Protein backbone atom coordinates (compact mmCIF):
# COMPACT_ATOMS: atom_id res chain seq x y z
CA UNK A 1 -17.04 19.40 -11.57
CA UNK A 2 -18.70 16.69 -9.45
CA UNK A 3 -16.50 14.22 -7.57
CA UNK A 4 -17.71 11.16 -5.70
CA UNK A 5 -15.53 10.49 -2.66
CA UNK A 6 -15.71 7.49 -0.33
CA UNK A 7 -13.44 5.96 2.29
CA UNK A 8 -13.42 2.39 3.54
CA UNK A 9 -12.61 3.40 7.15
CA UNK A 10 -11.38 -0.06 8.10
CA UNK A 11 -9.13 -0.61 5.09
CA UNK A 12 -5.65 -1.69 6.10
CA UNK A 13 -6.52 -2.09 9.76
CA UNK A 14 -5.06 -5.60 9.90
CA UNK A 15 -1.65 -4.60 8.54
CA UNK A 16 0.24 -3.36 11.59
CA UNK A 17 -1.00 -6.27 13.71
CA UNK A 18 0.22 -8.91 11.24
CA UNK A 19 -3.21 -10.07 10.00
CA UNK A 20 -2.25 -9.56 6.33
CA UNK A 21 -5.57 -8.05 5.37
CA UNK A 22 -8.81 -6.55 6.63
CA UNK A 23 -11.52 -8.52 4.84
CA UNK A 24 -14.29 -9.87 7.05
CA UNK A 25 -15.84 -8.78 10.33
CA UNK A 26 -13.93 -11.39 12.32
CA UNK A 27 -10.58 -10.05 11.10
CA UNK A 28 -11.60 -6.46 11.81
CA UNK A 29 -12.69 -7.35 15.35
CA UNK A 30 -9.45 -9.25 15.95
CA UNK A 31 -7.40 -6.33 14.64
CA UNK A 32 -9.18 -3.90 16.96
CA UNK A 33 -8.64 -6.25 19.92
CA UNK A 34 -4.93 -6.27 19.10
CA UNK A 35 -4.88 -2.49 19.28
CA UNK A 36 -4.92 -1.66 15.57
CA UNK A 37 -5.81 1.90 14.64
CA UNK A 38 -7.71 2.84 11.45
CA UNK A 39 -5.40 4.51 8.95
CA UNK A 40 -7.56 5.04 5.85
CA UNK A 41 -8.81 8.51 6.81
CA UNK A 42 -5.29 9.74 7.51
CA UNK A 43 -4.13 8.51 4.11
CA UNK A 44 -7.11 10.17 2.45
CA UNK A 45 -6.14 13.45 4.12
CA UNK A 46 -2.59 13.10 2.79
CA UNK A 47 -4.06 12.90 -0.71
CA UNK A 48 -6.76 15.56 -0.57
CA UNK A 49 -4.64 18.19 1.16
CA UNK A 50 -2.67 18.33 -2.10
CA UNK A 51 -5.75 19.85 -3.75
CA UNK A 52 -5.03 23.55 -3.41
CA UNK A 53 -7.66 25.20 -5.60
CA UNK A 54 -10.81 24.01 -3.75
CA UNK A 55 -12.44 25.96 -0.91
CA UNK A 56 -15.71 25.80 1.06
CA UNK A 57 -17.41 28.43 -1.12
CA UNK A 58 -16.19 26.90 -4.37
CA UNK A 59 -18.93 26.61 -6.97
CA UNK A 60 -16.84 24.89 -9.62
CA UNK A 61 -16.15 21.72 -7.60
CA UNK A 62 -18.54 19.73 -5.42
CA UNK A 63 -17.83 16.48 -3.59
CA UNK A 64 -20.58 13.90 -3.13
CA UNK A 65 -19.79 11.63 -0.21
CA UNK A 66 -21.03 9.35 2.56
CA UNK A 67 -21.60 10.52 6.12
CA UNK A 68 -19.08 10.54 8.94
CA UNK A 69 -15.98 8.33 8.62
CA UNK A 70 -16.86 7.23 5.09
CA UNK A 71 -15.87 10.63 3.68
CA UNK A 72 -17.69 13.52 5.32
CA UNK A 73 -15.28 13.88 8.25
CA UNK A 74 -12.25 14.27 5.99
CA UNK A 75 -13.95 16.74 3.62
CA UNK A 76 -15.26 18.87 6.50
CA UNK A 77 -11.82 18.93 8.12
CA UNK A 78 -10.30 20.19 4.86
CA UNK A 79 -13.13 22.71 4.39
CA UNK A 80 -14.13 21.23 1.02
CA UNK A 81 -17.67 21.74 -0.36
CA UNK A 82 -19.60 18.50 -0.03
CA UNK A 83 -23.06 17.01 -0.22
CA UNK A 84 -23.92 13.94 1.88
CA UNK A 85 -25.77 11.42 -0.28
CA UNK A 86 -25.46 8.29 1.88
CA UNK A 87 -25.71 7.45 5.57
CA UNK A 88 -24.15 4.12 6.51
CA UNK A 89 -24.21 2.12 9.72
CA UNK A 90 -21.96 2.56 12.73
CA UNK A 91 -19.42 0.14 11.25
CA UNK A 92 -19.22 0.35 7.46
CA UNK A 93 -19.31 -2.72 5.24
CA UNK A 94 -18.72 -3.49 1.59
CA UNK A 95 -22.43 -2.94 0.98
CA UNK A 96 -22.11 0.60 2.36
CA UNK A 97 -19.32 1.32 -0.12
CA UNK A 98 -21.40 -0.08 -2.98
CA UNK A 99 -24.47 1.93 -1.94
CA UNK A 100 -22.43 5.14 -1.92
CA UNK A 101 -20.98 4.39 -5.36
CA UNK A 102 -24.48 3.76 -6.77
CA UNK A 103 -25.58 7.18 -5.52
CA UNK A 104 -22.50 8.79 -7.08
CA UNK A 105 -23.55 7.27 -10.39
CA UNK A 106 -27.12 8.54 -9.96
CA UNK A 107 -25.74 12.04 -9.34
CA UNK A 108 -23.71 11.85 -12.57
CA UNK A 109 -20.32 12.51 -10.99
CA UNK A 110 -17.38 13.16 -13.30
CA UNK A 111 -14.82 11.31 -11.18
CA UNK A 112 -14.86 8.80 -8.32
CA UNK A 113 -12.11 8.91 -5.69
CA UNK A 114 -11.97 6.10 -3.13
CA UNK A 115 -9.60 5.18 -0.31
CA UNK A 116 -9.11 1.51 0.51
CA UNK A 117 -7.44 -1.67 -0.68
CA UNK A 118 -8.06 -4.29 -3.33
CA UNK A 119 -11.34 -5.33 -1.69
CA UNK A 120 -12.61 -1.76 -1.92
CA UNK A 121 -11.62 -1.61 -5.59
CA UNK A 122 -13.70 -4.75 -6.16
CA UNK A 123 -16.69 -3.09 -4.49
CA UNK A 124 -16.33 -0.10 -6.81
CA UNK A 125 -15.99 -2.41 -9.80
CA UNK A 126 -19.11 -4.38 -8.85
CA UNK A 127 -21.21 -1.22 -9.12
CA UNK A 128 -19.52 0.53 -12.04
CA UNK A 129 -19.44 -2.58 -14.21
CA UNK A 130 -23.25 -2.75 -13.96
CA UNK A 131 -23.79 0.97 -14.54
CA UNK A 132 -21.39 0.95 -17.48
CA UNK A 133 -23.21 -1.91 -19.19
CA UNK A 134 -26.64 -0.33 -18.53
CA UNK A 135 -25.80 3.29 -19.32
CA UNK A 136 -22.82 2.93 -21.62
CA UNK A 137 -20.84 5.42 -19.52
CA UNK A 138 -17.52 4.61 -17.87
CA UNK A 139 -16.75 6.92 -14.93
CA UNK A 140 -12.99 7.35 -14.33
CA UNK A 141 -11.64 6.55 -10.88
CA UNK A 142 -8.56 7.31 -8.79
CA UNK A 143 -7.78 5.07 -5.82
CA UNK A 144 -6.00 6.34 -2.71
CA UNK A 145 -3.94 3.39 -1.39
CA UNK A 146 -4.98 2.58 2.17
CA UNK A 147 -5.16 -1.23 2.33
CA UNK A 148 -2.73 -3.99 3.26
CA UNK A 149 -2.59 -5.74 -0.09
CA UNK A 150 -2.79 -3.47 -3.10
CA UNK A 151 -2.16 -5.31 -6.35
CA UNK A 152 -4.69 -3.39 -8.46
CA UNK A 153 -3.56 -0.85 -11.04
CA UNK A 154 -6.43 1.51 -10.19
CA UNK A 155 -4.55 3.03 -7.26
CA UNK A 156 -2.04 5.83 -7.24
CA UNK A 157 1.46 4.90 -6.15
CA UNK A 158 1.10 6.92 -2.92
CA UNK A 159 -1.60 9.15 -1.38
CA UNK A 160 0.52 12.17 -2.38
CA UNK A 161 0.48 11.10 -6.02
CA UNK A 162 -3.27 10.49 -5.80
CA UNK A 163 -3.71 14.11 -4.70
CA UNK A 164 -1.52 15.36 -7.53
CA UNK A 165 -3.55 13.30 -10.01
CA UNK A 166 -6.86 14.70 -8.72
CA UNK A 167 -5.36 18.20 -8.91
CA UNK A 168 -4.53 17.66 -12.58
CA UNK A 169 -8.08 16.54 -13.33
CA UNK A 170 -9.73 19.43 -11.45
CA UNK A 171 -7.46 21.88 -13.25
CA UNK A 172 -8.81 20.57 -16.55
CA UNK A 173 -5.49 19.36 -17.89
CA UNK A 174 -5.92 17.02 -20.88
CA UNK A 175 -5.65 13.44 -19.70
CA UNK A 176 -6.02 10.12 -21.47
CA UNK A 177 -7.85 7.21 -19.85
CA UNK A 178 -7.30 3.49 -20.08
CA UNK A 179 -8.74 0.34 -18.57
CA UNK A 180 -6.72 -0.87 -15.56
CA UNK A 181 -6.97 -4.24 -13.83
CA UNK A 182 -8.69 -4.72 -10.48
CA UNK A 183 -6.87 -7.53 -8.69
CA UNK A 184 -7.57 -9.22 -5.37
CA UNK A 185 -6.03 -11.94 -3.24
CA UNK A 186 -7.58 -14.83 -1.43
CA UNK A 187 -6.84 -13.55 2.10
CA UNK A 188 -7.34 -16.95 3.75
CA UNK A 189 -4.73 -18.48 1.46
CA UNK A 190 -2.57 -15.35 1.87
CA UNK A 191 -2.38 -15.88 5.64
CA UNK A 192 -1.12 -19.41 4.96
CA UNK A 193 1.67 -18.06 2.76
CA UNK A 194 -0.01 -18.71 -0.60
CA UNK A 195 -0.33 -15.84 -3.07
CA UNK A 196 -3.43 -16.38 -5.20
CA UNK A 197 -4.19 -13.16 -7.09
CA UNK A 198 -6.94 -12.92 -9.69
CA UNK A 199 -8.11 -10.26 -12.10
CA UNK A 200 -11.75 -9.41 -11.43
CA UNK A 201 -12.23 -6.80 -14.12
CA UNK A 202 -11.25 -3.34 -15.25
CA UNK A 203 -11.89 0.27 -14.22
CA UNK A 204 -11.15 3.42 -16.18
CA UNK A 205 -8.19 5.38 -14.77
CA UNK A 206 -5.96 8.24 -15.99
CA UNK A 207 -2.87 7.28 -17.96
CA UNK A 208 0.11 8.29 -15.83
CA UNK A 209 2.99 5.84 -15.45
CA UNK A 210 4.57 8.03 -12.78
CA UNK A 211 1.62 8.54 -10.44
CA UNK A 212 -0.55 5.48 -11.07
CA UNK A 213 0.45 2.06 -9.82
CA UNK A 214 1.33 -0.85 -12.06
CA UNK A 215 0.23 -4.42 -11.44
CA UNK A 216 2.49 -6.36 -9.11
CA UNK A 217 4.76 -8.71 -11.05
CA UNK A 218 6.02 -12.03 -9.80
CA UNK A 219 9.39 -13.54 -10.46
CA UNK A 220 10.67 -14.10 -13.99
CA UNK A 221 11.96 -17.69 -13.97
CA UNK A 222 13.74 -17.45 -17.31
CA UNK A 223 15.93 -14.58 -16.04
CA UNK A 224 16.10 -15.53 -12.38
CA UNK A 225 19.32 -14.72 -10.52
CA UNK A 226 20.10 -17.19 -7.79
CA UNK A 227 18.37 -16.08 -4.58
CA UNK A 228 20.86 -18.28 -2.79
CA UNK A 229 23.67 -15.86 -3.68
CA UNK A 230 21.74 -12.89 -2.30
CA UNK A 231 21.01 -14.84 0.88
CA UNK A 232 24.68 -15.83 1.26
CA UNK A 233 25.75 -12.19 0.98
CA UNK A 234 23.29 -11.04 3.65
CA UNK A 235 24.06 -13.91 6.04
CA UNK A 236 27.80 -13.36 5.70
CA UNK A 237 27.34 -9.71 6.67
CA UNK A 238 25.18 -10.43 9.74
CA UNK A 239 26.68 -9.01 12.94
CA UNK A 240 26.82 -10.68 16.34
CA UNK A 241 24.08 -9.75 18.85
CA UNK A 242 22.24 -7.61 16.29
CA UNK A 243 18.52 -8.14 15.66
CA UNK A 244 17.52 -8.58 12.00
CA UNK A 245 13.94 -7.91 10.97
CA UNK A 246 13.39 -10.13 7.93
CA UNK A 247 10.66 -8.67 5.76
CA UNK A 248 8.02 -10.43 3.71
CA UNK A 249 8.47 -11.90 0.25
CA UNK A 250 10.07 -14.80 -1.58
CA UNK A 251 13.39 -12.94 -1.94
CA UNK A 252 13.81 -12.49 1.81
CA UNK A 253 12.51 -16.03 2.36
CA UNK A 254 15.73 -17.23 0.75
CA UNK A 255 17.68 -15.91 3.74
CA UNK A 256 15.57 -17.91 6.19
CA UNK A 257 15.89 -21.00 4.02
CA UNK A 258 19.69 -20.66 4.00
CA UNK A 259 19.63 -20.34 7.78
CA UNK A 260 17.37 -23.42 8.03
CA UNK A 261 14.85 -21.36 9.98
CA UNK A 262 11.03 -21.35 9.74
CA UNK A 263 9.85 -18.46 7.60
CA UNK A 264 6.68 -16.39 7.44
CA UNK A 265 6.55 -15.75 3.71
CA UNK A 266 4.04 -12.92 4.03
CA UNK A 267 5.01 -11.63 7.47
CA UNK A 268 7.95 -10.33 9.49
CA UNK A 269 10.38 -12.60 11.37
CA UNK A 270 13.12 -11.59 13.82
CA UNK A 271 16.55 -13.25 13.78
CA UNK A 272 19.52 -12.76 16.13
CA UNK A 273 22.83 -14.62 15.95
CA UNK A 274 21.32 -16.65 13.08
CA UNK A 275 18.62 -17.98 15.44
CA UNK A 276 14.89 -17.33 15.16
CA UNK A 277 13.70 -15.02 17.94
CA UNK A 278 10.06 -14.52 16.90
CA UNK A 279 7.84 -15.35 13.91
CA UNK A 280 5.11 -13.38 12.15
CA UNK A 281 5.41 -10.42 14.52
CA UNK A 282 3.24 -7.32 14.62
CA UNK A 283 4.32 -3.72 15.19
CA UNK A 284 4.07 -3.77 18.99
CA UNK A 285 5.96 -7.08 19.30
CA UNK A 286 8.76 -5.72 17.14
CA UNK A 287 9.10 -2.57 19.24
CA UNK A 288 9.06 -4.59 22.48
CA UNK A 289 11.76 -7.02 21.35
CA UNK A 290 14.19 -4.53 19.79
CA UNK A 291 13.83 -1.89 22.52
CA UNK A 292 17.19 -0.10 22.97
CA UNK A 293 19.05 -2.83 21.06
CA UNK A 294 20.92 -2.73 17.72
CA UNK A 295 18.75 -3.74 14.77
CA UNK A 296 18.89 -4.03 10.99
CA UNK A 297 15.97 -4.22 8.60
CA UNK A 298 16.05 -6.54 5.55
CA UNK A 299 13.39 -5.82 2.93
CA UNK A 300 12.83 -6.41 -0.75
CA UNK A 301 11.17 -4.60 -3.65
CA UNK A 302 7.78 -5.48 -5.13
CA UNK A 303 8.46 -6.30 -8.76
CA UNK A 304 6.76 -4.01 -11.26
CA UNK A 305 5.46 -1.66 -8.57
CA UNK A 306 8.65 -0.75 -6.70
CA UNK A 307 7.30 -0.49 -3.16
CA UNK A 308 9.71 -1.22 -0.33
CA UNK A 309 7.42 -0.03 2.47
CA UNK A 310 3.64 0.31 2.61
CA UNK A 311 2.52 -2.77 0.68
CA UNK A 312 1.88 -5.89 2.74
CA UNK A 313 4.42 -4.99 5.43
CA UNK A 314 2.64 -2.39 7.57
CA UNK A 315 4.08 -4.16 10.62
CA UNK A 316 7.18 -2.15 9.67
CA UNK A 317 5.40 0.98 10.85
CA UNK A 318 6.59 4.56 11.05
CA UNK A 319 7.69 3.93 14.66
CA UNK A 320 9.66 0.81 13.72
CA UNK A 321 11.38 2.45 10.75
CA UNK A 322 12.24 5.58 12.72
CA UNK A 323 13.82 3.43 15.44
CA UNK A 324 15.88 1.51 12.89
CA UNK A 325 17.29 4.62 11.20
CA UNK A 326 17.69 6.59 14.46
CA UNK A 327 20.53 4.33 15.57
CA UNK A 328 22.82 5.69 12.87
CA UNK A 329 20.96 8.82 11.83
CA UNK A 330 20.51 7.60 8.25
CA UNK A 331 19.27 4.69 6.17
CA UNK A 332 22.35 2.45 6.45
CA UNK A 333 20.53 0.06 8.79
CA UNK A 334 18.06 -0.72 6.00
CA UNK A 335 19.23 -3.57 3.76
CA UNK A 336 17.33 -3.81 0.47
CA UNK A 337 17.66 -7.01 -1.54
CA UNK A 338 16.33 -7.73 -5.03
CA UNK A 339 17.19 -9.64 -8.16
CA UNK A 340 18.35 -7.63 -11.15
CA UNK A 341 15.13 -8.67 -12.90
CA UNK A 342 13.07 -7.02 -10.17
CA UNK A 343 14.96 -3.77 -10.57
CA UNK A 344 14.69 -3.96 -14.35
CA UNK A 345 10.93 -4.49 -14.06
CA UNK A 346 10.71 -0.97 -12.59
CA UNK A 347 11.84 0.41 -15.95
CA UNK A 348 14.05 3.06 -14.28
CA UNK A 349 11.27 4.24 -11.96
CA UNK A 350 12.46 4.74 -8.37
CA UNK A 351 11.71 2.37 -5.51
CA UNK A 352 8.90 3.66 -3.29
CA UNK A 353 8.40 4.22 0.43
CA UNK A 354 4.75 4.82 1.26
CA UNK A 355 4.88 4.78 5.07
CA UNK A 356 1.90 7.07 5.56
CA UNK A 357 4.13 9.93 6.71
CA UNK A 358 5.43 12.27 3.99
CA UNK A 359 8.28 13.56 6.14
CA UNK A 360 9.53 10.03 6.78
CA UNK A 361 9.16 9.14 3.10
CA UNK A 362 11.34 12.14 2.26
CA UNK A 363 13.85 11.16 4.94
CA UNK A 364 14.11 7.67 3.44
CA UNK A 365 14.71 9.04 -0.07
CA UNK A 366 18.11 8.58 -1.65
CA UNK A 367 20.44 6.11 -3.35
CA UNK A 368 20.62 2.62 -1.86
CA UNK A 369 23.12 -0.15 -2.50
CA UNK A 370 20.63 -2.89 -3.32
CA UNK A 371 22.04 -6.40 -2.81
CA UNK A 372 21.54 -8.21 -6.12
CA UNK A 373 23.96 -11.14 -5.69
CA UNK A 374 26.92 -12.39 -3.70
CA UNK A 375 29.18 -9.36 -3.14
CA UNK A 376 27.17 -7.65 -5.85
CA UNK A 377 25.26 -4.43 -5.31
CA UNK A 378 23.38 -2.03 -7.56
CA UNK A 379 22.89 1.64 -6.74
CA UNK A 380 19.20 2.43 -7.08
CA UNK A 381 17.14 5.42 -6.01
CA UNK A 382 14.22 5.31 -3.58
CA UNK A 383 11.46 7.98 -3.80
């Protein structure tokens, strides 16, 4: 079996430093200046280390990849057999990703695995849509989620699930395919608090409602529960001299609106004694402000997908989350809020923590009392 494997090394680099994306050289340079660290390779390792039946001397499986950080480094570290078909520049670009994908097509790979975000999925689509129309062949793909904004349904729910999916394919288990949407946001509008997502086309992915991600769903106006009631419940429970990290999203925005405070719709704000302490904070600012002080975390669920952590809120990093739960030794400092419609849109699938650390994801697993109205809670499982 021949597998094309490519990483966008800079995917997601803007997340922890509150840049809400990684598209464009200016944003990447700004993220690096703010101390951001590339995470895509680490997330790719989380996925590929789940592949147990491949070794360096394997003749049944061969990975085609790009040199250095675009794939080779990860495959060499895992001792997987690989052939380098593309050499990019020192700092990879979208064109490097596209060039690698074209060479995968030329080498007739059976599967393409890529690590990145929605922008990377678009790069893959740009190439495969042309090859599909010219050659009449649709190569299946599996995306390893590594970006800030991941609305596309071509990604696995977590890197772990991506690895399990690839395992199933390598093992030759029968698997149906379907066309899944590639979505992307206008990042410039996104940074101004406007969500403008578009469908750019479709890629062929395995059918697996457990492991593969669904498209993010917005609110359902006809069934909307009053966000004001959820906000009232949270505000009434706020404790004196405790810091509250208010996560991104329209559901959490209702709390800030009730408090008559400025809100960063797609960022993280810090509130103490019902007063705004800091707006649109990054990981390091959060850790500096809450150092050795009591803190609670207020987050919501992405409708349809179920993510609580790891989608658009990477400022809430592993370090931040560990600090929050370390104060009580469990998850009780994490307040999850969601309308009943959001929970119903998950169709009984659990909420998801994709922090980038499997041990932390497991630690966060369990039943949560999700605030769904005023003095109304629904027990719902995470992970």
